[in-house]
Amino acid sequence: MAAKPKPVWRLEVGDEAPDFELMATGSTAGKGDTKRKIRLSDYRGKKNVVLAFYPAAYTPV
């Protein structure tokens, strides 16, 4: 029997990040460049990727 996948909110240091997709404009963000979709899986095994989360960013806390 295969192990159940771990819920995303239960990730720990060293766990592999789940795949996700987002809109990106690259280094020209906000300068009228066209947006394109990128996925984490586009870089898996090709480049190092650092994921940083700022849950209180842009909030009046």
C-alpha atoms as a PDB file:
ATOM      1  CA  MET A   1       0.000   0.000   0.000  1.00  0.00           C
ATOM      2  CA  ALA A   2       1.391   3.430  -0.946  1.00  0.00           C
ATOM      3  CA  ALA A   3       1.958   6.000   1.780  1.00  0.00           C
ATOM      4  CA  LYS A   4      -0.513   8.883   1.899  1.00  0.00           C
ATOM      5  CA  PRO A   5       0.981  12.193   0.750  1.00  0.00           C
ATOM      6  CA  LYS A   6       1.801  14.617   3.559  1.00  0.00           C
ATOM      7  CA  PRO A   7      -0.510  17.678   3.690  1.00  0.00           C
ATOM      8  CA  VAL A   8       1.190  20.887   2.487  1.00  0.00           C
ATOM      9  CA  TRP A   9       0.790  22.549   5.884  1.00  0.00           C
ATOM     10  CA  ARG A  10       2.817  19.726   7.437  1.00  0.00           C
ATOM     11  CA  LEU A  11       6.021  20.320   5.478  1.00  0.00           C
ATOM     12  CA  GLU A  12       9.247  20.276   7.463  1.00  0.00           C
ATOM     13  CA  VAL A  13      12.753  21.521   6.798  1.00  0.00           C
ATOM     14  CA  GLY A  14      14.295  19.339   4.115  1.00  0.00           C
ATOM     15  CA  ASP A  15      10.982  18.170   2.605  1.00  0.00           C
ATOM     16  CA  GLU A  16      10.543  18.544  -1.147  1.00  0.00           C
ATOM     17  CA  ALA A  17       8.270  21.473  -2.008  1.00  0.00           C
ATOM     18  CA  PRO A  18       5.013  20.587  -3.761  1.00  0.00           C
ATOM     19  CA  ASP A  19       4.635  21.793  -7.331  1.00  0.00           C
ATOM     20  CA  PHE A  20       2.820  25.090  -7.870  1.00  0.00           C
ATOM     21  CA  GLU A  21       2.153  27.574 -10.660  1.00  0.00           C
ATOM     22  CA  LEU A  22       2.193  31.381 -10.597  1.00  0.00           C
ATOM     23  CA  MET A  23       2.240  34.366 -12.917  1.00  0.00           C
ATOM     24  CA  ALA A  24       5.639  36.045 -13.334  1.00  0.00           C
ATOM     25  CA  THR A  25       7.010  39.001 -15.235  1.00  0.00           C
ATOM     26  CA  GLY A  26      10.687  38.491 -14.465  1.00  0.00           C
ATOM     27  CA  SER A  27      13.014  41.425 -13.794  1.00  0.00           C
ATOM     28  CA  THR A  28      10.652  43.849 -15.560  1.00  0.00           C
ATOM     29  CA  ALA A  29       7.792  43.480 -13.072  1.00  0.00           C
ATOM     30  CA  GLY A  30       5.572  46.529 -13.127  1.00  0.00           C
ATOM     31  CA  LYS A  31       7.148  47.885 -16.319  1.00  0.00           C
ATOM     32  CA  GLY A  32       4.582  46.569 -18.797  1.00  0.00           C
ATOM     33  CA  ASP A  33       6.260  43.266 -19.650  1.00  0.00           C
ATOM     34  CA  THR A  34       3.931  40.393 -20.490  1.00  0.00           C
ATOM     35  CA  LYS A  35       3.181  37.928 -17.749  1.00  0.00           C
ATOM     36  CA  ARG A  36       3.843  34.235 -18.162  1.00  0.00           C
ATOM     37  CA  LYS A  37       3.059  31.184 -16.084  1.00  0.00           C
ATOM     38  CA  ILE A  38       5.948  29.400 -14.407  1.00  0.00           C
ATOM     39  CA  ARG A  39       5.930  26.221 -12.361  1.00  0.00           C
ATOM     40  CA  LEU A  40       8.296  25.013  -9.706  1.00  0.00           C
ATOM     41  CA  SER A  41       8.627  21.776 -11.672  1.00  0.00           C
ATOM     42  CA  ASP A  42      10.135  23.797 -14.574  1.00  0.00           C
ATOM     43  CA  TYR A  43      13.244  24.263 -12.410  1.00  0.00           C
ATOM     44  CA  ARG A  44      13.327  20.993 -10.459  1.00  0.00           C
ATOM     45  CA  GLY A  45      16.671  19.297 -11.008  1.00  0.00           C
ATOM     46  CA  LYS A  46      17.947  22.169 -13.189  1.00  0.00           C
ATOM     47  CA  LYS A  47      18.415  25.131 -10.845  1.00  0.00           C
ATOM     48  CA  ASN A  48      18.434  25.822  -7.131  1.00  0.00           C
ATOM     49  CA  VAL A  49      15.243  27.518  -5.977  1.00  0.00           C
ATOM     50  CA  VAL A  50      14.746  29.312  -2.662  1.00  0.00           C
ATOM     51  CA  LEU A  51      11.185  29.706  -1.424  1.00  0.00           C
ATOM     52  CA  ALA A  52      10.563  32.476   1.097  1.00  0.00           C
ATOM     53  CA  PHE A  53       7.232  33.271   2.701  1.00  0.00           C
ATOM     54  CA  TYR A  54       6.352  36.525   4.427  1.00  0.00           C
ATOM     55  CA  PRO A  55       2.879  35.955   5.898  1.00  0.00           C
ATOM     56  CA  ALA A  56       2.611  39.485   7.334  1.00  0.00           C
ATOM     57  CA  ALA A  57       4.041  41.328   4.305  1.00  0.00           C
ATOM     58  CA  TYR A  58       2.023  44.356   3.247  1.00  0.00           C
ATOM     59  CA  THR A  59      -0.260  44.137   6.267  1.00  0.00           C
ATOM     60  CA  PRO A  60      -0.652  46.810   8.953  1.00  0.00           C
ATOM     61  CA  VAL A  61       0.470  44.506  11.767  1.00  0.00           C
END
